[in-house]
Amino acid sequence: MDVVVLTQENCAFCELAKEILARLAAEYPLTVATLDLGSPEGQALALRDGVLFPPGIFLDGAAFSYGRPSERKLRRELDRRCGPARSAT
């Protein structure tokens, strides 16, 4: 699954989103990329999907959430789309 995180500088929630996704990428088949909200591509993506502020998290091209990220909500969605996480043994 392709994940894009819309970020901006000095954004604590953006850093939190990247940390959460780094953990989840060890358990789920994720490809995580970041995109600057201030870039033309980032602005177009945010406008298209109604992302009001960073971080915006997109799963396979569709907006999933924005603002303070929830690891629990992400895990539930990833379990739904990918199946339960692999055990870390």
C-alpha atoms as a PDB file:
ATOM      1  CA  MET A   1       0.000   0.000   0.000  1.00  0.00           C
ATOM      2  CA  ASP A   2       1.284   3.437  -0.907  1.00  0.00           C
ATOM      3  CA  VAL A   3       1.150   6.032   1.866  1.00  0.00           C
ATOM      4  CA  VAL A   4       1.815   9.736   1.336  1.00  0.00           C
ATOM      5  CA  VAL A   5       2.182  12.149   4.235  1.00  0.00           C
ATOM      6  CA  LEU A   6       1.658  15.853   3.536  1.00  0.00           C
ATOM      7  CA  THR A   7       4.008  17.694   5.873  1.00  0.00           C
ATOM      8  CA  GLN A   8       5.371  21.119   6.666  1.00  0.00           C
ATOM      9  CA  GLU A   9       8.360  22.386   8.628  1.00  0.00           C
ATOM     10  CA  ASN A  10       8.137  22.718  12.413  1.00  0.00           C
ATOM     11  CA  CYS A  11       5.065  20.480  12.611  1.00  0.00           C
ATOM     12  CA  ALA A  12       5.093  18.227  15.681  1.00  0.00           C
ATOM     13  CA  PHE A  13       2.126  16.182  14.439  1.00  0.00           C
ATOM     14  CA  CYS A  14       3.975  15.650  11.127  1.00  0.00           C
ATOM     15  CA  GLU A  15       6.907  14.149  13.016  1.00  0.00           C
ATOM     16  CA  LEU A  16       4.514  11.993  15.033  1.00  0.00           C
ATOM     17  CA  ALA A  17       2.833  10.761  11.834  1.00  0.00           C
ATOM     18  CA  LYS A  18       6.220   9.805  10.362  1.00  0.00           C
ATOM     19  CA  GLU A  19       7.171   7.929  13.554  1.00  0.00           C
ATOM     20  CA  ILE A  20       3.867   6.028  13.610  1.00  0.00           C
ATOM     21  CA  LEU A  21       4.150   5.122   9.936  1.00  0.00           C
ATOM     22  CA  ALA A  22       7.754   3.972  10.365  1.00  0.00           C
ATOM     23  CA  ARG A  23       6.571   1.554  13.078  1.00  0.00           C
ATOM     24  CA  LEU A  24       3.627   0.369  11.007  1.00  0.00           C
ATOM     25  CA  ALA A  25       5.800  -0.122   7.914  1.00  0.00           C
ATOM     26  CA  ALA A  26       7.676  -2.806   9.857  1.00  0.00           C
ATOM     27  CA  GLU A  27       4.391  -4.696  10.305  1.00  0.00           C
ATOM     28  CA  TYR A  28       2.416  -3.974   7.127  1.00  0.00           C
ATOM     29  CA  PRO A  29       3.389  -3.859   3.434  1.00  0.00           C
ATOM     30  CA  LEU A  30       3.661  -0.051   3.219  1.00  0.00           C
ATOM     31  CA  THR A  31       5.623   2.286   1.009  1.00  0.00           C
ATOM     32  CA  VAL A  32       5.754   5.639   2.801  1.00  0.00           C
ATOM     33  CA  ALA A  33       6.619   8.931   1.091  1.00  0.00           C
ATOM     34  CA  THR A  34       6.426  12.528   2.291  1.00  0.00           C
ATOM     35  CA  LEU A  35       5.318  15.541   0.310  1.00  0.00           C
ATOM     36  CA  ASP A  36       5.701  19.172   1.374  1.00  0.00           C
ATOM     37  CA  LEU A  37       2.325  20.846   1.775  1.00  0.00           C
ATOM     38  CA  GLY A  38       3.873  24.069   0.458  1.00  0.00           C
ATOM     39  CA  SER A  39       4.848  22.498  -2.863  1.00  0.00           C
ATOM     40  CA  PRO A  40       2.535  22.868  -5.871  1.00  0.00           C
ATOM     41  CA  GLU A  41       1.858  19.103  -5.798  1.00  0.00           C
ATOM     42  CA  GLY A  42       1.160  19.189  -2.065  1.00  0.00           C
ATOM     43  CA  GLN A  43      -1.198  22.133  -2.367  1.00  0.00           C
ATOM     44  CA  ALA A  44      -3.071  20.484  -5.249  1.00  0.00           C
ATOM     45  CA  LEU A  45      -3.452  17.229  -3.295  1.00  0.00           C
ATOM     46  CA  ALA A  46      -4.653  19.043  -0.164  1.00  0.00           C
ATOM     47  CA  LEU A  47      -7.140  21.123  -2.128  1.00  0.00           C
ATOM     48  CA  ARG A  48      -8.452  18.131  -4.083  1.00  0.00           C
ATOM     49  CA  ASP A  49      -9.203  16.106  -0.947  1.00  0.00           C
ATOM     50  CA  GLY A  50     -10.044  18.857   1.537  1.00  0.00           C
ATOM     51  CA  VAL A  51      -7.008  18.468   3.786  1.00  0.00           C
ATOM     52  CA  LEU A  52      -7.203  21.598   5.928  1.00  0.00           C
ATOM     53  CA  PHE A  53      -3.882  21.306   7.786  1.00  0.00           C
ATOM     54  CA  PRO A  54      -0.919  18.943   8.134  1.00  0.00           C
ATOM     55  CA  PRO A  55      -0.180  16.215   8.421  1.00  0.00           C
ATOM     56  CA  GLY A  56      -2.409  14.791   5.737  1.00  0.00           C
ATOM     57  CA  ILE A  57      -2.236  11.022   5.395  1.00  0.00           C
ATOM     58  CA  PHE A  58      -3.208   9.440   2.086  1.00  0.00           C
ATOM     59  CA  LEU A  59      -3.638   5.695   1.617  1.00  0.00           C
ATOM     60  CA  ASP A  60      -3.382   4.514  -1.990  1.00  0.00           C
ATOM     61  CA  GLY A  61      -4.095   8.033  -3.232  1.00  0.00           C
ATOM     62  CA  ALA A  62      -7.177   8.710  -1.094  1.00  0.00           C
ATOM     63  CA  ALA A  63      -7.247  11.029   1.910  1.00  0.00           C
ATOM     64  CA  PHE A  64      -7.403   9.071   5.159  1.00  0.00           C
ATOM     65  CA  SER A  65      -6.900  11.761   7.806  1.00  0.00           C
ATOM     66  CA  TYR A  66      -5.366  15.108   8.621  1.00  0.00           C
ATOM     67  CA  GLY A  67      -4.233  16.758  11.810  1.00  0.00           C
ATOM     68  CA  ARG A  68      -3.188  14.786  14.872  1.00  0.00           C
ATOM     69  CA  PRO A  69      -2.573  11.203  13.714  1.00  0.00           C
ATOM     70  CA  SER A  70      -4.146   8.214  15.481  1.00  0.00           C
ATOM     71  CA  GLU A  71      -2.106   5.017  15.447  1.00  0.00           C
ATOM     72  CA  ARG A  72      -5.159   3.026  16.521  1.00  0.00           C
ATOM     73  CA  LYS A  73      -7.273   4.373  13.662  1.00  0.00           C
ATOM     74  CA  LEU A  74      -4.457   3.688  11.170  1.00  0.00           C
ATOM     75  CA  ARG A  75      -3.993   0.127  12.475  1.00  0.00           C
ATOM     76  CA  ARG A  76      -7.713  -0.576  12.154  1.00  0.00           C
ATOM     77  CA  GLU A  77      -7.722   0.640   8.561  1.00  0.00           C
ATOM     78  CA  LEU A  78      -4.539  -1.259   7.673  1.00  0.00           C
ATOM     79  CA  ASP A  79      -5.958  -4.439   9.236  1.00  0.00           C
ATOM     80  CA  ARG A  80      -9.100  -3.953   7.149  1.00  0.00           C
ATOM     81  CA  ARG A  81      -7.143  -3.431   3.916  1.00  0.00           C
ATOM     82  CA  CYS A  82      -4.107  -5.688   4.430  1.00  0.00           C
ATOM     83  CA  GLY A  83      -5.139  -8.218   7.065  1.00  0.00           C
ATOM     84  CA  PRO A  84      -3.795  -8.366  10.622  1.00  0.00           C
ATOM     85  CA  ALA A  85      -0.210  -7.206  11.189  1.00  0.00           C
ATOM     86  CA  ARG A  86       2.604  -9.719  11.026  1.00  0.00           C
ATOM     87  CA  SER A  87       4.016 -10.630  14.405  1.00  0.00           C
ATOM     88  CA  ALA A  88       7.477  -9.220  15.073  1.00  0.00           C
ATOM     89  CA  THR A  89       9.103 -12.579  15.904  1.00  0.00           C
END
